[in-house]
Amino acid sequence: MNRPTLRLPSWLPVDLYILAIIGTVVLAVLLPVSGTGAEVVGGASTGAVALLFFLYGARLSTAEALDGLKHWRLHLTVLACTFAVFPLLGLASRGLVPYVLTPQLQEGFLFLCMVPSTIQSSIAFTSIARGNVPAAICAGSFSSLAGILLTPLLAAVLLGNSAGGFSAESLVQIVLQLLVPFLAGQLLRRWVGGFLTRHRTLLGYVDRGSILLVVYTAFSEGMVAGIWHQVTPLRLGGLLAAEAVLLAAMLAVSWYGAKRLGFARPDRIAIQFAGSKKSLAAGLPMASVLFGAHASLAVLPLMLFHQMQLMVCAVIAKRRSLDPLPEDGAAQEATGPARGRAEAPSHRDSAPA
């Protein structure tokens, strides 16, 4: 099976796509867009994200999704990590205010803990580590769909007015931007599925391009609103340290927790990678709706966590790929669709979102 490559240059500590995100932030700082230009760019980013979720829906086979539902214990475990354990750790971060984090950075830290899991990188890292790829595909997709409702609800309960307050309008905006395109992709999969199979890199380009557009829009709004004076290098260092602890905790909880629950090794790999990461593609548009002009400061923790999770999980996936596989008899104990991992599709994911 052709395995996806992350294409991390040996002389670079970060992926080239991460550098593109940093460059986009710098561009927004130096040349922020406002007025009519901001409306145009905002509309373009909204359209790009909608297209991305349309392609997600068109890529996921309905039969594959229904088959993945049979592995409900794995998906519930991933959802519990994403929308229960993560938010609880996010709430604990309130103890870091004001010594390590400012109130605004802590709110962004808590918001990142409510965001759904990734799809692209969950698949890529699970495949590299020789895990249950079909389960990773379904777990990431289910998490994204659940997050369309759960993330705004959690933000309403845990952040309250800090996130602009929960409203039917904000929920409708998120549903129209994410869920409706996804369902449209499912409905039209018969006609566009073959095209996506022949052009596998298209999803990656849309994925990365939509994120860059949303990043530029959010940080431009932040510059125009003049909120960046609240961030200092010392506070950024504190935020990075807190996120390193968060990521380490979730990697440990998802791996050893899955072991205690009796999952086989391929399933544990899928649970660890799907249950320990957060999606920029889903989180950025949600933050734009929930936080408005303060979205740039709110998504800063998510952007930093995104880079950190890619670097750390790339190392873990590589090490897992070198682990000896269990004996044939033990491998047969794998539950659900784990035995189908040899048939997993190849995904080129140079910088998973």
Protein backbone atom coordinates (compact mmCIF):
# COMPACT_ATOMS: atom_id res chain seq x y z
CA MET A 1 0.00 0.00 0.00
CA ASN A 2 1.27 3.47 -0.83
CA ARG A 3 1.58 5.37 2.43
CA PRO A 4 1.11 9.13 2.72
CA THR A 5 4.21 11.19 3.28
CA LEU A 6 4.45 14.30 5.41
CA ARG A 7 7.39 15.67 3.42
CA LEU A 8 9.09 17.42 6.31
CA PRO A 9 12.49 18.68 5.12
CA SER A 10 15.24 17.45 7.42
CA TRP A 11 16.59 20.96 7.89
CA LEU A 12 13.20 22.45 8.84
CA PRO A 13 11.65 21.96 12.29
CA VAL A 14 8.19 22.75 10.87
CA ASP A 15 6.22 21.82 7.80
CA LEU A 16 6.26 24.15 4.80
CA TYR A 17 2.53 24.65 5.16
CA ILE A 18 3.04 25.92 8.70
CA LEU A 19 5.43 28.48 7.25
CA ALA A 20 2.69 29.46 4.79
CA ILE A 21 0.30 30.05 7.70
CA ILE A 22 2.92 32.16 9.48
CA GLY A 23 3.48 34.12 6.27
CA THR A 24 -0.27 34.70 5.98
CA VAL A 25 -0.36 36.08 9.53
CA VAL A 26 2.54 38.41 8.73
CA LEU A 27 0.75 39.55 5.56
CA ALA A 28 -2.39 40.29 7.57
CA VAL A 29 -0.35 42.28 10.09
CA LEU A 30 1.41 44.32 7.41
CA LEU A 31 -1.48 44.62 4.93
CA PRO A 32 -4.78 44.11 6.78
CA VAL A 33 -7.88 44.31 4.66
CA SER A 34 -10.82 46.45 5.70
CA GLY A 35 -14.07 47.90 4.37
CA THR A 36 -15.28 46.51 1.07
CA GLY A 37 -12.09 44.48 0.69
CA ALA A 38 -12.78 42.75 4.01
CA GLU A 39 -16.27 41.81 2.83
CA VAL A 40 -14.87 40.34 -0.38
CA VAL A 41 -12.16 38.34 1.39
CA GLY A 42 -14.62 37.22 4.06
CA GLY A 43 -17.04 36.00 1.42
CA ALA A 44 -14.24 34.15 -0.37
CA SER A 45 -13.12 32.42 2.84
CA THR A 46 -16.70 31.40 3.65
CA GLY A 47 -17.11 29.96 0.17
CA ALA A 48 -13.79 28.11 0.37
CA VAL A 49 -14.71 26.48 3.69
CA ALA A 50 -18.12 25.48 2.31
CA LEU A 51 -16.38 23.92 -0.71
CA LEU A 52 -13.99 22.07 1.60
CA PHE A 53 -16.83 20.46 3.57
CA PHE A 54 -18.64 19.65 0.32
CA LEU A 55 -15.55 17.72 -0.78
CA TYR A 56 -15.36 16.02 2.63
CA GLY A 57 -18.92 14.82 2.15
CA ALA A 58 -18.32 13.72 -1.43
CA ARG A 59 -15.22 11.77 -0.42
CA LEU A 60 -16.78 9.76 2.41
CA SER A 61 -18.59 6.73 1.07
CA THR A 62 -22.04 6.30 2.59
CA ALA A 63 -21.45 2.55 2.81
CA GLU A 64 -18.11 3.22 4.50
CA ALA A 65 -19.80 5.53 7.01
CA LEU A 66 -22.52 2.97 7.76
CA ASP A 67 -19.90 0.25 8.17
CA GLY A 68 -17.96 2.53 10.49
CA LEU A 69 -21.02 2.93 12.69
CA LYS A 70 -20.68 -0.73 13.64
CA HIS A 71 -17.51 0.21 15.49
CA TRP A 72 -19.49 2.45 17.83
CA ARG A 73 -17.28 1.91 20.90
CA LEU A 74 -14.30 3.40 19.09
CA HIS A 75 -16.26 6.42 17.88
CA LEU A 76 -17.76 7.08 21.30
CA THR A 77 -14.25 6.94 22.77
CA VAL A 78 -12.97 9.51 20.26
CA LEU A 79 -15.99 11.75 20.87
CA ALA A 80 -15.47 11.48 24.63
CA CYS A 81 -11.83 12.54 24.26
CA THR A 82 -12.74 15.40 21.92
CA PHE A 83 -15.80 16.85 23.60
CA ALA A 84 -15.45 15.76 27.25
CA VAL A 85 -11.83 15.23 28.34
CA PHE A 86 -10.45 18.10 26.26
CA PRO A 87 -12.99 20.67 27.60
CA LEU A 88 -12.38 19.52 31.18
CA LEU A 89 -8.66 20.16 30.74
CA GLY A 90 -9.53 23.49 29.13
CA LEU A 91 -11.56 24.46 32.19
CA ALA A 92 -8.58 23.58 34.40
CA SER A 93 -6.54 26.18 32.50
CA ARG A 94 -8.46 28.91 34.32
CA GLY A 95 -6.00 28.35 37.13
CA LEU A 96 -3.29 29.76 34.84
CA VAL A 97 -4.93 33.22 34.77
CA PRO A 98 -3.38 35.78 35.25
CA TYR A 99 0.02 34.26 36.01
CA VAL A 100 0.60 32.36 32.75
CA LEU A 101 -2.28 33.29 30.43
CA THR A 102 -4.29 36.45 29.97
CA PRO A 103 -8.09 36.04 30.21
CA GLN A 104 -8.35 36.43 26.42
CA LEU A 105 -5.70 33.77 25.69
CA GLN A 106 -7.31 31.43 28.21
CA GLU A 107 -10.63 31.81 26.41
CA GLY A 108 -8.89 30.90 23.16
CA PHE A 109 -7.23 27.96 24.92
CA LEU A 110 -10.62 26.78 26.16
CA PHE A 111 -12.14 27.26 22.71
CA LEU A 112 -9.51 25.04 21.08
CA CYS A 113 -10.53 22.31 23.55
CA MET A 114 -14.09 22.42 22.15
CA VAL A 115 -13.15 22.15 18.46
CA PRO A 116 -13.78 18.82 16.64
CA SER A 117 -11.03 16.46 15.61
CA THR A 118 -9.23 16.50 12.28
CA ILE A 119 -10.01 14.34 9.27
CA GLN A 120 -6.99 14.63 6.99
CA SER A 121 -4.22 14.24 9.54
CA SER A 122 -6.06 11.55 11.51
CA ILE A 123 -6.11 9.46 8.34
CA ALA A 124 -2.52 10.23 7.39
CA PHE A 125 -0.93 9.55 10.77
CA THR A 126 -3.04 6.43 11.40
CA SER A 127 -1.99 5.03 8.04
CA ILE A 128 1.70 5.76 8.66
CA ALA A 129 1.50 4.04 12.06
CA ARG A 130 -0.26 1.00 10.51
CA GLY A 131 -3.48 1.58 12.41
CA ASN A 132 -7.18 1.22 11.61
CA VAL A 133 -7.51 3.71 8.75
CA PRO A 134 -11.23 3.14 7.98
CA ALA A 135 -12.00 3.83 11.64
CA ALA A 136 -9.90 7.01 11.51
CA ILE A 137 -11.81 8.20 8.42
CA CYS A 138 -15.17 7.65 10.11
CA ALA A 139 -14.07 8.96 13.51
CA GLY A 140 -12.75 12.20 12.03
CA SER A 141 -15.87 12.68 9.91
CA PHE A 142 -18.25 11.93 12.79
CA SER A 143 -16.32 14.29 15.05
CA SER A 144 -16.56 17.11 12.50
CA LEU A 145 -20.30 16.60 12.10
CA ALA A 146 -20.87 16.40 15.86
CA GLY A 147 -18.77 19.53 16.35
CA ILE A 148 -21.11 21.59 14.20
CA LEU A 149 -23.62 21.34 17.05
CA LEU A 150 -21.48 20.51 20.09
CA THR A 151 -18.83 23.22 19.68
CA PRO A 152 -21.32 26.16 19.70
CA LEU A 153 -23.23 24.55 22.59
CA LEU A 154 -20.05 24.04 24.62
CA ALA A 155 -18.99 27.61 23.83
CA ALA A 156 -22.35 28.87 25.08
CA VAL A 157 -22.06 26.91 28.33
CA LEU A 158 -18.35 27.34 29.09
CA LEU A 159 -17.56 30.72 27.51
CA GLY A 160 -20.93 32.47 27.70
CA ASN A 161 -20.82 36.07 26.50
CA SER A 162 -17.07 35.81 25.83
CA ALA A 163 -17.91 34.03 22.58
CA GLY A 164 -20.64 36.46 21.71
CA GLY A 165 -23.21 34.27 23.42
CA PHE A 166 -25.00 31.31 21.86
CA SER A 167 -27.76 32.25 19.47
CA ALA A 168 -29.90 30.55 16.88
CA GLU A 169 -28.32 32.84 14.27
CA SER A 170 -24.77 31.68 15.06
CA LEU A 171 -25.83 28.04 14.95
CA VAL A 172 -27.61 28.56 11.62
CA GLN A 173 -24.50 30.22 10.16
CA ILE A 174 -22.29 27.32 11.22
CA VAL A 175 -24.77 24.72 9.94
CA LEU A 176 -25.10 26.51 6.58
CA GLN A 177 -21.34 26.83 6.21
CA LEU A 178 -20.32 23.33 7.31
CA LEU A 179 -23.14 20.81 7.60
CA VAL A 180 -25.21 21.72 4.54
CA PRO A 181 -22.22 21.51 2.12
CA PHE A 182 -21.19 18.19 3.71
CA LEU A 183 -24.67 16.72 3.17
CA ALA A 184 -24.73 18.12 -0.37
CA GLY A 185 -21.45 16.32 -1.04
CA GLN A 186 -22.98 13.08 0.23
CA LEU A 187 -26.00 13.51 -2.06
CA LEU A 188 -23.86 14.31 -5.11
CA ARG A 189 -21.16 11.75 -4.39
CA ARG A 190 -22.42 9.48 -7.20
CA TRP A 191 -21.50 12.15 -9.76
CA VAL A 192 -18.41 13.79 -8.22
CA GLY A 193 -16.86 10.83 -6.37
CA GLY A 194 -15.08 9.54 -9.46
CA PHE A 195 -13.63 12.98 -10.19
CA LEU A 196 -12.24 13.22 -6.64
CA THR A 197 -10.72 9.76 -6.98
CA ARG A 198 -8.91 10.84 -10.14
CA HIS A 199 -7.79 14.15 -8.58
CA ARG A 200 -6.80 13.18 -5.04
CA THR A 201 -4.73 16.31 -4.48
CA LEU A 202 -7.70 18.64 -5.02
CA LEU A 203 -9.00 18.17 -1.47
CA GLY A 204 -5.59 18.99 -0.06
CA TYR A 205 -5.36 22.24 -2.05
CA VAL A 206 -8.86 23.32 -1.01
CA ASP A 207 -8.14 22.31 2.60
CA ARG A 208 -4.98 24.41 2.82
CA GLY A 209 -6.27 27.29 0.73
CA SER A 210 -9.44 27.69 2.79
CA ILE A 211 -7.45 27.78 6.02
CA LEU A 212 -5.09 30.42 4.67
CA LEU A 213 -8.05 32.58 3.62
CA VAL A 214 -9.74 32.28 7.02
CA VAL A 215 -6.46 33.01 8.82
CA TYR A 216 -5.91 36.14 6.73
CA THR A 217 -9.49 37.31 7.31
CA ALA A 218 -9.39 36.71 11.08
CA PHE A 219 -6.03 38.36 11.64
CA SER A 220 -6.92 41.31 9.42
CA GLU A 221 -9.99 41.92 11.57
CA GLY A 222 -7.83 41.70 14.67
CA MET A 223 -5.39 44.26 13.31
CA VAL A 224 -8.18 46.66 12.35
CA ALA A 225 -9.73 46.24 15.81
CA GLY A 226 -6.32 46.87 17.44
CA ILE A 227 -6.31 43.90 19.81
CA TRP A 228 -2.74 42.65 19.31
CA HIS A 229 -1.26 44.84 22.02
CA GLN A 230 -2.62 42.26 24.49
CA VAL A 231 -0.07 39.61 23.42
CA THR A 232 3.54 39.65 24.59
CA PRO A 233 6.40 37.17 23.93
CA LEU A 234 6.22 36.08 27.57
CA ARG A 235 2.51 35.30 27.28
CA LEU A 236 3.12 33.41 24.04
CA GLY A 237 5.76 31.32 25.80
CA GLY A 238 3.32 30.54 28.58
CA LEU A 239 0.66 29.58 26.04
CA LEU A 240 3.05 27.21 24.24
CA ALA A 241 4.00 25.55 27.54
CA ALA A 242 0.35 25.08 28.49
CA GLU A 243 -0.43 23.59 25.07
CA ALA A 244 2.52 21.20 25.30
CA VAL A 245 1.12 19.87 28.59
CA LEU A 246 -2.37 19.63 27.05
CA LEU A 247 -1.15 17.67 24.03
CA ALA A 248 0.96 15.31 26.15
CA ALA A 249 -1.99 14.67 28.46
CA MET A 250 -4.37 13.88 25.59
CA LEU A 251 -1.89 11.62 23.82
CA ALA A 252 -1.48 9.66 27.05
CA VAL A 253 -5.19 9.56 27.89
CA SER A 254 -6.22 8.44 24.40
CA TRP A 255 -3.52 5.75 24.16
CA TYR A 256 -3.62 4.22 27.63
CA GLY A 257 -7.34 4.83 28.07
CA ALA A 258 -8.02 2.86 24.86
CA LYS A 259 -5.80 0.08 26.19
CA ARG A 260 -7.80 -0.09 29.43
CA LEU A 261 -10.99 -0.28 27.39
CA GLY A 262 -9.67 -3.36 25.60
CA PHE A 263 -9.10 -1.99 22.10
CA ALA A 264 -6.66 -3.75 19.79
CA ARG A 265 -3.49 -1.97 18.68
CA PRO A 266 -4.84 -0.76 15.28
CA ASP A 267 -7.87 0.76 17.01
CA ARG A 268 -5.73 2.35 19.74
CA ILE A 269 -3.68 4.07 17.05
CA ALA A 270 -6.81 5.49 15.41
CA ILE A 271 -8.17 6.60 18.79
CA GLN A 272 -4.92 8.30 19.74
CA PHE A 273 -4.56 10.29 16.54
CA ALA A 274 -8.27 11.16 16.16
CA GLY A 275 -8.78 11.83 19.86
CA SER A 276 -5.77 14.04 20.56
CA LYS A 277 -5.92 16.56 17.72
CA LYS A 278 -7.98 19.59 16.77
CA SER A 279 -9.11 20.83 13.36
CA LEU A 280 -8.16 24.23 11.98
CA ALA A 281 -10.53 23.73 9.04
CA ALA A 282 -13.53 23.45 11.37
CA GLY A 283 -12.31 25.66 14.22
CA LEU A 284 -11.46 28.80 12.27
CA PRO A 285 -14.85 29.41 10.64
CA MET A 286 -16.60 28.62 13.92
CA ALA A 287 -14.43 31.14 15.74
CA SER A 288 -15.16 33.76 13.10
CA VAL A 289 -18.88 33.33 13.74
CA LEU A 290 -18.69 33.06 17.54
CA PHE A 291 -16.03 35.69 18.31
CA GLY A 292 -16.39 38.21 15.50
CA ALA A 293 -13.63 40.85 15.49
CA HIS A 294 -11.86 39.09 18.38
CA ALA A 295 -11.54 35.85 16.41
CA SER A 296 -7.84 36.36 15.68
CA LEU A 297 -6.90 36.30 19.35
CA ALA A 298 -9.32 33.45 20.00
CA VAL A 299 -7.84 31.22 17.28
CA LEU A 300 -4.19 31.92 18.11
CA PRO A 301 -4.05 29.02 20.62
CA LEU A 302 -5.65 26.73 18.03
CA MET A 303 -3.13 27.70 15.36
CA LEU A 304 -0.18 27.09 17.68
CA PHE A 305 -1.66 23.79 18.86
CA HIS A 306 -2.16 22.78 15.22
CA GLN A 307 1.55 23.18 14.47
CA MET A 308 2.54 21.40 17.67
CA GLN A 309 0.25 18.43 17.08
CA LEU A 310 1.56 17.94 13.54
CA MET A 311 5.19 17.91 14.64
CA VAL A 312 4.66 15.63 17.64
CA CYS A 313 2.25 13.23 15.93
CA ALA A 314 4.57 12.92 12.92
CA VAL A 315 7.29 11.63 15.25
CA ILE A 316 4.89 9.29 17.08
CA ALA A 317 3.45 7.91 13.83
CA LYS A 318 6.94 7.21 12.50
CA ARG A 319 7.89 5.37 15.69
CA ARG A 320 4.66 3.38 15.69
CA SER A 321 5.36 2.30 12.10
CA LEU A 322 8.57 0.67 13.32
CA ASP A 323 6.88 -1.29 16.12
CA PRO A 324 6.67 -5.06 15.51
CA LEU A 325 3.15 -6.13 14.61
CA PRO A 326 1.41 -8.67 16.87
CA GLU A 327 1.34 -12.32 15.90
CA ASP A 328 -1.29 -13.36 13.38
CA GLY A 329 -3.47 -14.90 16.07
CA ALA A 330 -3.49 -11.72 18.14
CA ALA A 331 -4.11 -9.60 15.07
CA GLN A 332 -7.34 -11.47 14.46
CA GLU A 333 -8.67 -10.09 17.74
CA ALA A 334 -8.91 -6.62 16.22
CA THR A 335 -12.50 -5.46 16.38
CA GLY A 336 -14.76 -3.81 13.83
CA PRO A 337 -13.24 -2.73 10.52
CA ALA A 338 -9.65 -2.96 11.76
CA ARG A 339 -8.99 -5.93 9.48
CA GLY A 340 -9.76 -3.70 6.51
CA ARG A 341 -6.86 -1.38 7.10
CA ALA A 342 -4.84 -3.07 4.38
CA GLU A 343 -7.40 -1.76 1.94
CA ALA A 344 -7.17 1.82 3.16
CA PRO A 345 -6.97 4.47 0.47
CA SER A 346 -3.76 6.36 0.04
CA HIS A 347 -3.88 10.04 0.98
CA ARG A 348 -1.17 12.49 0.16
CA ASP A 349 -1.24 14.85 3.11
CA SER A 350 1.86 16.95 3.26
CA ALA A 351 0.46 19.16 6.04
CA PRO A 352 -2.72 17.68 7.45
CA ALA A 353 -5.30 20.08 8.80
